[in-house]
N, C-alpha and C. Protein backbone atom coordinates (compact mmCIF):
# COMPACT_ATOMS: atom_id res chain seq x y z
N MET A 1 92.22 158.72 102.97
CA MET A 1 93.35 158.61 102.11
C MET A 1 93.18 157.06 102.73
N SER A 2 93.65 155.93 101.51
CA SER A 2 93.64 155.15 102.14
C SER A 2 95.68 154.61 101.77
N ASN A 3 95.30 152.97 102.75
CA ASN A 3 96.50 152.89 103.30
C ASN A 3 97.05 151.52 101.97
N ARG A 4 96.52 151.33 101.03
CA ARG A 4 96.64 149.92 100.07
C ARG A 4 97.92 150.70 99.25
N GLU A 5 98.29 149.80 98.97
CA GLU A 5 99.76 149.56 97.87
C GLU A 5 99.43 149.89 96.38
N ASN A 6 100.04 150.17 95.74
CA ASN A 6 100.08 150.07 94.95
C ASN A 6 99.77 149.22 94.17
N PRO A 7 98.70 148.17 93.26
CA PRO A 7 98.34 146.75 92.53
C PRO A 7 99.83 146.57 92.23
N VAL A 8 100.35 147.47 91.96
CA VAL A 8 101.46 147.22 90.81
C VAL A 8 102.93 146.62 91.89
N VAL A 9 103.05 147.27 92.60
CA VAL A 9 103.70 146.90 93.94
C VAL A 9 103.53 145.21 94.94
N GLU A 10 102.21 145.71 95.15
CA GLU A 10 101.76 144.41 95.73
C GLU A 10 102.05 143.40 95.30
N THR A 11 101.97 143.04 93.64
CA THR A 11 101.99 142.73 92.36
C THR A 11 103.52 141.31 92.68
N ILE A 12 104.37 142.53 92.26
CA ILE A 12 105.90 142.34 92.83
C ILE A 12 105.78 141.35 93.83
N LYS A 13 105.78 142.41 95.58
CA LYS A 13 105.66 141.36 95.84
C LYS A 13 105.65 140.37 96.32
N THR A 14 104.16 140.13 95.78
CA THR A 14 103.65 138.53 95.47
C THR A 14 104.88 138.05 94.77
N ILE A 15 104.73 137.98 94.17
CA ILE A 15 105.78 136.99 92.82
C ILE A 15 107.09 137.12 93.55
N ALA A 16 107.54 137.97 93.95
CA ALA A 16 108.87 138.23 94.82
C ALA A 16 109.08 137.22 95.83
N THR A 17 107.58 136.59 96.95
CA THR A 17 107.39 136.41 98.41
C THR A 17 107.84 134.37 97.57
N ALA A 18 107.04 134.56 96.66
CA ALA A 18 106.71 133.22 96.10
C ALA A 18 107.64 132.36 95.53
N ALA A 19 108.31 133.32 94.73
CA ALA A 19 109.85 132.79 94.39
C ALA A 19 110.94 132.81 94.73
N PHE A 20 111.23 133.42 96.15
CA PHE A 20 111.89 133.48 97.43
C PHE A 20 111.49 131.89 97.78
N LEU A 21 109.81 131.78 98.20
CA LEU A 21 109.79 130.04 98.84
C LEU A 21 110.02 129.53 98.42
N ALA A 22 109.73 129.67 96.63
CA ALA A 22 110.46 128.10 96.17
C ALA A 22 111.50 127.90 96.08
N PHE A 23 111.79 129.14 95.87
CA PHE A 23 113.46 128.79 95.85
C PHE A 23 114.29 128.21 97.51
N GLY A 24 113.90 128.36 98.15
CA GLY A 24 114.31 127.80 99.86
C GLY A 24 113.90 126.79 99.92
N ILE A 25 112.66 126.64 99.44
CA ILE A 25 112.34 124.73 99.53
C ILE A 25 112.21 124.00 99.10
N ARG A 26 113.15 124.46 97.48
CA ARG A 26 113.57 123.44 96.62
C ARG A 26 115.25 123.16 96.83
N THR A 27 115.58 124.09 97.99
CA THR A 27 116.97 123.30 97.75
C THR A 27 117.24 123.37 98.86
N PHE A 28 116.47 123.84 100.50
CA PHE A 28 116.22 123.40 101.29
C PHE A 28 116.04 122.24 102.29
N VAL A 29 114.85 122.16 101.48
CA VAL A 29 113.32 120.68 102.45
C VAL A 29 113.23 119.59 101.47
N ALA A 30 112.97 120.15 99.05
CA ALA A 30 112.69 118.85 98.65
C ALA A 30 112.26 119.37 97.71
N GLU A 31 112.56 118.43 96.83
CA GLU A 31 112.21 118.85 95.01
C GLU A 31 111.98 117.04 94.68
N ALA A 32 111.41 118.24 93.16
CA ALA A 32 111.14 117.13 92.55
C ALA A 32 112.08 116.66 91.55
N ARG A 33 112.03 114.84 91.78
CA ARG A 33 113.06 114.54 89.83
C ARG A 33 112.59 114.04 89.44
N TYR A 34 112.84 113.24 88.75
CA TYR A 34 112.32 112.25 87.52
C TYR A 34 114.17 110.75 87.50
N ILE A 35 113.87 109.72 86.59
CA ILE A 35 114.96 108.63 86.59
C ILE A 35 114.66 108.67 85.64
N PRO A 36 116.05 109.12 85.11
CA PRO A 36 116.52 109.06 83.46
C PRO A 36 117.10 107.97 83.16
N SER A 37 117.10 106.47 83.54
CA SER A 37 117.68 105.60 83.22
C SER A 37 116.55 104.12 84.08
N GLY A 38 117.68 103.12 83.07
CA GLY A 38 116.84 101.71 84.10
C GLY A 38 117.51 101.24 85.07
N SER A 39 118.97 101.66 85.01
CA SER A 39 119.36 101.18 86.86
C SER A 39 119.05 100.94 87.88
N MET A 40 118.45 101.57 88.07
CA MET A 40 117.13 101.31 88.71
C MET A 40 116.17 100.48 89.63
N LYS A 41 116.10 99.79 88.17
CA LYS A 41 115.01 98.93 88.47
C LYS A 41 115.46 97.68 88.77
N PRO A 42 114.15 96.81 89.49
CA PRO A 42 112.89 96.99 89.81
C PRO A 42 111.72 98.34 90.12
N THR A 43 113.14 98.82 91.26
CA THR A 43 112.55 99.88 92.80
C THR A 43 111.44 100.77 91.75
N LEU A 44 112.82 101.07 90.16
CA LEU A 44 111.73 103.00 90.31
C LEU A 44 112.00 101.99 88.55
N GLN A 45 111.04 102.72 87.68
CA GLN A 45 111.38 102.53 86.40
C GLN A 45 111.80 104.19 85.69
N VAL A 46 112.27 103.48 84.13
CA VAL A 46 112.64 105.19 84.13
C VAL A 46 110.85 106.27 83.20
N TYR A 47 111.30 107.23 84.20
CA TYR A 47 110.64 108.23 83.76
C TYR A 47 109.77 108.53 85.53
N ASP A 48 109.80 107.69 85.84
CA ASP A 48 108.90 107.76 87.85
C ASP A 48 109.75 109.13 88.13
N ARG A 49 108.16 109.64 88.78
CA ARG A 49 109.19 111.02 89.27
C ARG A 49 108.73 111.19 90.98
N LEU A 50 110.26 111.24 91.34
CA LEU A 50 109.67 111.74 93.06
C LEU A 50 110.24 112.91 93.75
N ILE A 51 110.04 112.51 94.65
CA ILE A 51 110.21 113.78 95.93
C ILE A 51 111.84 112.86 96.53
N VAL A 52 112.01 114.46 96.50
CA VAL A 52 113.32 114.04 97.04
C VAL A 52 113.87 114.83 97.87
N GLU A 53 113.84 114.18 99.77
CA GLU A 53 113.45 114.84 100.44
C GLU A 53 114.59 115.32 100.62
N LYS A 54 115.00 116.73 101.70
CA LYS A 54 116.68 117.68 102.20
C LYS A 54 117.05 117.22 103.76
N LEU A 55 115.85 116.49 103.96
CA LEU A 55 116.46 117.44 105.77
C LEU A 55 116.86 115.97 106.93
N THR A 56 116.32 114.95 106.09
CA THR A 56 116.78 114.03 106.98
C THR A 56 118.22 114.04 107.13
N TYR A 57 118.89 113.70 106.21
CA TYR A 57 120.39 114.02 106.53
C TYR A 57 121.13 114.83 107.10
N HIS A 58 120.38 115.63 107.96
CA HIS A 58 120.95 116.72 108.22
C HIS A 58 120.38 116.33 109.95
N PHE A 59 119.41 115.66 110.71
CA PHE A 59 119.41 114.85 111.69
C PHE A 59 119.90 113.19 112.06
N ARG A 60 120.21 112.72 111.14
CA ARG A 60 120.68 111.32 110.64
C ARG A 60 121.70 110.62 110.01
N GLU A 61 122.16 110.46 110.04
CA GLU A 61 122.89 109.95 108.47
C GLU A 61 122.70 108.41 108.28
N PRO A 62 123.55 108.97 106.17
CA PRO A 62 122.15 107.03 105.61
C PRO A 62 122.54 106.07 106.08
N GLU A 63 121.53 105.45 105.97
CA GLU A 63 121.05 103.54 106.41
C GLU A 63 121.65 103.39 105.02
N ARG A 64 121.53 101.77 104.86
CA ARG A 64 122.07 101.00 103.87
C ARG A 64 120.29 101.24 103.84
N GLY A 65 120.48 101.07 102.24
CA GLY A 65 118.59 100.48 102.16
C GLY A 65 117.93 102.10 101.54
N ASP A 66 118.75 103.31 101.97
CA ASP A 66 118.39 104.19 101.79
C ASP A 66 118.62 104.86 100.14
N ILE A 67 118.00 105.37 99.56
CA ILE A 67 117.93 105.15 98.21
C ILE A 67 118.28 106.67 97.80
N VAL A 68 120.21 107.31 97.25
CA VAL A 68 119.99 108.91 97.64
C VAL A 68 120.07 109.00 96.40
N VAL A 69 120.05 110.97 96.45
CA VAL A 69 120.55 111.57 94.86
C VAL A 69 121.97 112.29 95.08
N PHE A 70 123.19 112.16 94.27
CA PHE A 70 124.45 113.23 94.40
C PHE A 70 124.05 113.31 93.66
N SER A 71 125.58 114.29 94.02
CA SER A 71 126.20 114.40 92.81
C SER A 71 127.63 114.05 92.30
N PRO A 72 127.50 114.20 90.82
CA PRO A 72 128.60 113.29 90.60
C PRO A 72 130.22 113.79 91.27
N THR A 73 130.75 112.62 91.60
CA THR A 73 132.09 112.76 92.20
C THR A 73 132.64 112.88 91.63
N GLN A 74 134.35 113.01 91.90
CA GLN A 74 135.33 114.42 91.22
C GLN A 74 135.10 112.75 90.08
N LYS A 75 135.36 111.49 90.04
CA LYS A 75 136.08 110.66 89.25
C LYS A 75 134.47 110.61 88.01
N LEU A 76 133.45 110.64 88.25
CA LEU A 76 131.90 110.95 87.45
C LEU A 76 132.36 112.07 86.58
N ARG A 77 133.02 113.13 87.34
CA ARG A 77 133.56 114.71 86.63
C ARG A 77 134.34 114.69 85.65
N ALA A 78 134.93 114.25 85.50
CA ALA A 78 135.98 113.33 85.18
C ALA A 78 135.79 112.73 84.06
N GLU A 79 134.68 111.73 83.81
CA GLU A 79 134.04 110.87 82.90
C GLU A 79 133.38 111.55 82.42
N ASN A 80 133.51 113.29 82.42
CA ASN A 80 131.69 114.74 81.85
C ASN A 80 130.45 113.78 82.01
N PHE A 81 130.56 113.06 83.29
CA PHE A 81 129.28 113.40 84.15
C PHE A 81 128.63 114.60 84.85
N GLU A 82 127.88 115.00 84.71
CA GLU A 82 127.38 116.40 85.20
C GLU A 82 125.93 116.29 86.02
N GLU A 83 124.84 115.64 85.08
CA GLU A 83 124.08 115.05 85.94
C GLU A 83 123.64 113.88 87.45
N ASP A 84 122.97 114.71 87.75
CA ASP A 84 122.99 114.11 89.80
C ASP A 84 122.76 112.36 89.56
N PHE A 85 122.74 111.35 90.28
CA PHE A 85 122.88 110.66 90.09
C PHE A 85 122.01 109.46 91.12
N ILE A 86 121.31 108.44 91.75
CA ILE A 86 120.07 107.54 91.65
C ILE A 86 120.45 106.38 92.18
N LYS A 87 120.69 105.85 93.54
CA LYS A 87 121.64 104.62 93.59
C LYS A 87 120.82 104.65 94.92
N ARG A 88 120.90 103.37 95.34
CA ARG A 88 120.61 103.14 96.88
C ARG A 88 121.95 103.25 97.79
N VAL A 89 122.29 103.82 98.59
CA VAL A 89 123.27 102.91 99.95
C VAL A 89 123.86 101.11 100.59
N ILE A 90 124.81 100.62 99.90
CA ILE A 90 124.88 99.24 100.54
C ILE A 90 125.84 99.22 101.93
N GLY A 91 127.23 100.18 101.20
CA GLY A 91 128.51 100.14 102.34
C GLY A 91 128.27 101.10 102.88
N LEU A 92 128.25 101.49 103.90
CA LEU A 92 128.49 102.30 104.82
C LEU A 92 130.16 102.54 105.71
N PRO A 93 129.88 103.99 105.70
CA PRO A 93 132.07 103.50 106.24
C PRO A 93 132.23 102.45 107.36
N GLY A 94 132.94 102.56 106.64
CA GLY A 94 133.99 102.00 107.59
C GLY A 94 133.65 99.62 107.21
N GLU A 95 132.48 99.71 106.51
CA GLU A 95 132.30 98.56 106.21
C GLU A 95 133.11 97.67 105.74
N LYS A 96 132.79 96.78 105.41
CA LYS A 96 133.94 96.09 103.88
C LYS A 96 133.13 95.48 103.20
N ILE A 97 132.98 95.22 102.71
CA ILE A 97 132.32 94.83 101.22
C ILE A 97 132.20 93.58 100.49
N GLU A 98 131.82 92.86 99.61
CA GLU A 98 132.32 92.06 99.57
C GLU A 98 130.74 91.22 98.21
N ILE A 99 130.69 91.33 96.56
CA ILE A 99 129.49 90.12 96.17
C ILE A 99 130.38 89.49 95.02
N LYS A 100 129.98 88.11 95.82
CA LYS A 100 131.15 86.67 95.23
C LYS A 100 129.16 86.34 94.87
N GLY A 101 128.97 85.04 94.29
CA GLY A 101 127.72 84.58 93.17
C GLY A 101 126.82 84.78 93.57
N GLY A 102 126.85 86.07 93.87
CA GLY A 102 125.33 86.76 93.27
C GLY A 102 125.07 87.64 94.44
N LYS A 103 125.35 87.71 95.84
CA LYS A 103 125.39 88.29 96.85
C LYS A 103 126.26 88.80 97.21
N VAL A 104 125.26 90.15 97.81
CA VAL A 104 126.70 91.27 98.62
C VAL A 104 126.57 91.18 99.78
N TYR A 105 128.16 90.76 100.79
CA TYR A 105 128.33 90.36 102.14
C TYR A 105 128.77 91.79 102.38
N VAL A 106 128.23 92.43 103.42
CA VAL A 106 128.45 93.19 104.68
C VAL A 106 129.35 92.79 105.63
N ASN A 107 130.79 93.01 105.68
CA ASN A 107 131.74 92.53 107.26
C ASN A 107 131.43 91.37 107.19
N GLY A 108 131.45 90.26 106.10
CA GLY A 108 131.13 88.65 105.94
C GLY A 108 129.84 88.21 106.03
N LYS A 109 128.53 88.83 106.63
CA LYS A 109 127.92 88.13 106.13
C LYS A 109 126.83 88.68 105.49
N PRO A 110 125.79 87.98 104.56
CA PRO A 110 125.05 87.80 103.38
C PRO A 110 123.70 89.23 104.03
N ILE A 111 123.11 89.45 102.93
CA ILE A 111 122.81 90.84 103.48
C ILE A 111 121.16 90.46 102.05
N GLY A 112 119.75 90.26 102.88
CA GLY A 112 118.70 89.88 101.78
C GLY A 112 118.70 90.68 101.16
N GLU A 113 118.07 90.62 99.74
CA GLU A 113 118.30 92.03 98.97
C GLU A 113 116.94 91.08 98.05
N LYS A 114 115.48 91.98 98.92
CA LYS A 114 113.58 91.56 97.80
C LYS A 114 114.16 92.59 96.48
N TYR A 115 115.06 93.35 96.56
CA TYR A 115 114.76 94.79 95.68
C TYR A 115 115.16 94.60 94.75
N ILE A 116 116.84 94.05 93.54
CA ILE A 116 117.42 93.22 93.18
C ILE A 116 116.44 93.06 91.98
N LEU A 117 117.07 93.40 90.29
CA LEU A 117 116.05 92.91 89.07
C LEU A 117 117.15 91.35 89.48
N GLU A 118 118.05 91.16 88.93
CA GLU A 118 118.78 89.93 89.04
C GLU A 118 120.45 89.97 89.90
N PRO A 119 120.53 89.10 90.71
CA PRO A 119 121.86 89.68 91.08
C PRO A 119 122.54 89.56 90.63
N SER A 120 124.07 89.94 90.74
CA SER A 120 125.20 90.59 89.88
C SER A 120 126.09 89.19 89.48
N GLU A 121 126.05 90.25 88.21
CA GLU A 121 126.74 88.33 87.22
C GLU A 121 128.63 88.34 87.82
N GLU A 122 129.88 89.90 88.21
CA GLU A 122 130.73 90.31 88.27
C GLU A 122 130.63 89.49 89.86
N PRO A 123 131.98 89.69 90.09
CA PRO A 123 131.63 89.53 91.87
C PRO A 123 133.27 90.91 92.17
N PHE A 124 133.20 91.62 92.98
CA PHE A 124 133.83 92.73 93.40
C PHE A 124 134.04 92.24 95.04
N GLY A 125 135.18 93.70 95.11
CA GLY A 125 136.05 93.85 96.27
C GLY A 125 136.49 92.52 96.31
N PRO A 126 137.20 92.00 98.45
CA PRO A 126 136.15 92.64 99.25
C PRO A 126 137.21 94.36 99.50
N VAL A 127 136.11 95.66 99.59
CA VAL A 127 136.31 96.72 99.81
C VAL A 127 136.54 97.06 100.52
N VAL A 128 137.13 98.31 102.08
CA VAL A 128 136.69 98.75 103.20
C VAL A 128 136.40 100.52 102.69
N VAL A 129 135.32 100.76 103.17
CA VAL A 129 134.56 101.76 102.43
C VAL A 129 134.96 103.14 103.74
N PRO A 130 135.68 103.52 102.90
CA PRO A 130 136.48 105.41 103.48
C PRO A 130 135.19 106.48 104.50
N GLU A 131 136.44 106.38 105.72
CA GLU A 131 134.98 107.29 106.33
C GLU A 131 134.46 108.07 105.66
N ASP A 132 132.69 108.57 105.86
CA ASP A 132 132.41 110.40 104.75
C ASP A 132 132.34 109.97 104.09
N SER A 133 132.29 108.58 103.44
CA SER A 133 131.79 107.87 102.53
C SER A 133 131.00 106.75 102.58
N TYR A 134 130.06 106.69 101.28
CA TYR A 134 129.09 105.35 101.33
C TYR A 134 129.49 104.01 99.55
N LEU A 135 129.28 103.58 99.48
CA LEU A 135 129.29 102.46 98.37
C LEU A 135 127.55 102.66 98.46
N VAL A 136 127.52 102.57 97.19
CA VAL A 136 126.40 102.66 96.43
C VAL A 136 126.31 101.78 95.00
N LEU A 137 125.11 101.33 94.69
CA LEU A 137 124.79 100.42 94.06
C LEU A 137 123.35 100.68 93.43
N GLY A 138 123.36 100.75 91.90
CA GLY A 138 121.52 100.21 91.94
C GLY A 138 120.77 99.32 91.50
N ASP A 139 119.64 98.88 92.32
CA ASP A 139 119.16 98.14 91.96
C ASP A 139 119.34 97.38 91.26
N ASN A 140 119.41 97.32 89.82
CA ASN A 140 119.38 96.64 88.19
C ASN A 140 121.13 96.64 88.42
N ARG A 141 121.26 95.20 88.90
CA ARG A 141 122.56 95.64 89.00
C ARG A 141 123.68 95.03 87.65
N ASN A 142 123.38 94.36 86.44
CA ASN A 142 123.84 93.89 85.65
C ASN A 142 123.57 94.54 85.12
N GLY A 143 122.73 96.04 84.71
CA GLY A 143 122.88 97.34 83.96
C GLY A 143 122.90 98.75 85.12
N SER A 144 123.73 99.00 85.97
CA SER A 144 123.82 100.29 86.51
C SER A 144 125.85 100.29 87.07
N TYR A 145 126.38 101.32 86.22
CA TYR A 145 127.22 102.04 86.30
C TYR A 145 127.12 102.35 87.59
N ASP A 146 127.74 102.32 88.18
CA ASP A 146 127.91 102.32 90.20
C ASP A 146 129.12 102.15 90.87
N SER A 147 129.16 102.63 92.67
CA SER A 147 130.45 102.13 93.21
C SER A 147 131.22 100.97 92.83
N ARG A 148 131.00 100.16 92.09
CA ARG A 148 131.47 99.23 92.02
C ARG A 148 133.00 99.43 90.59
N LYS A 149 132.33 100.46 89.55
CA LYS A 149 132.88 101.19 88.49
C LYS A 149 133.63 102.42 88.70
N TRP A 150 133.30 103.88 89.16
CA TRP A 150 133.80 104.80 89.94
C TRP A 150 134.00 105.23 91.28
N GLY A 151 133.84 103.96 92.45
CA GLY A 151 133.90 104.40 93.93
C GLY A 151 133.16 104.73 94.35
N TYR A 152 133.66 105.26 95.82
CA TYR A 152 132.64 105.83 96.87
C TYR A 152 132.23 107.84 96.27
N VAL A 153 130.75 107.84 97.59
CA VAL A 153 130.19 108.95 97.31
C VAL A 153 131.00 109.31 98.29
N PRO A 154 131.21 110.98 98.47
CA PRO A 154 131.79 111.30 99.31
C PRO A 154 130.26 111.79 100.96
N ARG A 155 130.21 111.59 101.23
CA ARG A 155 129.21 112.55 102.51
C ARG A 155 128.89 113.39 102.13
N LYS A 156 129.50 114.23 101.34
CA LYS A 156 129.60 115.72 101.36
C LYS A 156 128.80 116.35 99.75
N ASN A 157 128.51 114.86 99.32
CA ASN A 157 128.51 115.07 97.88
C ASN A 157 126.37 114.90 97.26
N LEU A 158 125.63 114.20 98.62
CA LEU A 158 124.34 113.70 98.81
C LEU A 158 123.70 115.01 99.00
N ILE A 159 122.53 114.36 98.21
CA ILE A 159 121.25 116.12 97.72
C ILE A 159 120.65 115.77 98.95
N GLY A 160 120.19 114.01 99.22
CA GLY A 160 119.04 114.35 100.21
C GLY A 160 118.89 112.60 99.36
N ARG A 161 117.89 112.33 100.07
CA ARG A 161 116.97 111.00 100.25
C ARG A 161 115.39 111.00 99.03
N ALA A 162 115.40 109.70 98.24
CA ALA A 162 114.62 109.65 97.17
C ALA A 162 113.39 109.48 98.38
N ALA A 163 112.38 109.93 98.78
CA ALA A 163 111.54 109.21 99.56
C ALA A 163 110.12 108.94 99.31
N PHE A 164 109.54 109.48 97.89
CA PHE A 164 107.93 109.85 97.93
C PHE A 164 108.34 109.71 96.12
N ARG A 165 107.08 108.57 95.64
CA ARG A 165 106.69 108.56 93.77
C ARG A 165 105.30 108.68 94.37
N PHE A 166 105.28 109.73 93.23
CA PHE A 166 103.67 110.44 92.69
C PHE A 166 104.48 110.65 91.57
N TRP A 167 104.29 109.46 90.40
CA TRP A 167 103.83 109.55 88.84
C TRP A 167 104.99 108.19 88.83
N PRO A 168 103.89 107.73 88.45
CA PRO A 168 102.60 107.20 87.22
C PRO A 168 101.94 107.06 88.51
N ALA A 169 100.42 108.00 88.34
CA ALA A 169 99.59 107.56 89.10
C ALA A 169 99.57 105.76 89.66
N ASN A 170 99.82 104.78 89.55
CA ASN A 170 99.41 103.58 89.84
C ASN A 170 100.44 103.21 90.55
N ARG A 171 101.64 103.92 90.88
CA ARG A 171 103.05 103.42 91.56
C ARG A 171 103.27 104.80 92.65
N VAL A 172 102.02 105.64 92.84
CA VAL A 172 102.40 106.67 93.46
C VAL A 172 102.29 105.89 95.49
N GLY A 173 103.61 106.49 96.38
CA GLY A 173 103.15 105.68 97.72
C GLY A 173 104.89 106.28 98.04
N SER A 174 105.20 105.63 98.96
CA SER A 174 106.50 105.91 99.79
C SER A 174 107.26 104.86 99.33
N LEU A 175 108.72 105.28 99.63
CA LEU A 175 110.09 103.98 98.54
C LEU A 175 110.08 102.96 99.80
N TYR A 176 109.54 103.34 101.33
CA TYR A 176 109.94 102.67 102.79
C TYR A 176 108.63 102.24 103.18
N THR A 177 108.73 101.00 102.64
CA THR A 177 107.56 100.85 103.30
C THR A 177 107.17 99.40 104.33
N ASP A 178 108.45 98.84 104.46
CA ASP A 178 108.93 97.43 104.98
C ASP A 178 110.36 98.23 105.58
N PRO A 179 111.06 97.41 106.53
CA PRO A 179 112.60 97.22 106.55
C PRO A 179 112.91 96.56 105.66
N ILE A 180 114.03 96.92 104.87
CA ILE A 180 114.88 96.82 104.64
C ILE A 180 116.04 95.33 104.93
N TYR A 181 116.60 95.49 106.20
CA TYR A 181 117.65 95.03 106.49
C TYR A 181 117.14 93.77 108.01
N PRO A 182 115.85 93.70 108.22
CA PRO A 182 115.37 94.15 109.59
C PRO A 182 116.38 93.04 110.06
N THR A 183 116.94 91.64 109.92
CA THR A 183 117.86 91.14 110.94
C THR A 183 119.88 91.38 110.65
N LEU A 184 119.60 92.14 110.01
CA LEU A 184 121.88 92.93 110.00
C LEU A 184 121.65 93.80 111.37
N LYS A 185 121.88 93.89 111.63
CA LYS A 185 123.07 94.45 113.05
C LYS A 185 124.00 94.81 111.71
N LYS A 186 124.44 96.49 112.64
CA LYS A 186 125.10 97.06 112.18
C LYS A 186 126.49 96.42 112.65
């Protein structure tokens, strides 16, 4: 007498295990995303494909310069936005943020931003970022609908950190290769 299971039962178990693992990985570890707009140019181009990892923020807080994916805030939902957003963290909880003369100032000190498409044409702030929230901006400052228009991203809305571009093939690689703000102290 054989101990082998019925092939149909084996197939069902295999498919169920694979589905469970895929769901678990996508929900808790990482997922693929694409870029639907030009708000993060030049860093991210329309239709770039990324891996968004979801583990980092279980071990540390978001940092300035992180590119984050987040679910729409209450204000964005009230404006009928349902899709997730991707932007760069600029302001951390408790910091004073201001944009003047095309430069971003954090607590009165300008930050170097070599990743932006062009400086912001409009002044903003000063504002103080609330606790458990982040001020996020698109790298395409003059073509991004971001915190300057709709407010802050609550910590609970963060889905994960964009970590790796896997498409197009000629731009494959990590999104974090150099220190973004080597001289700015918290």
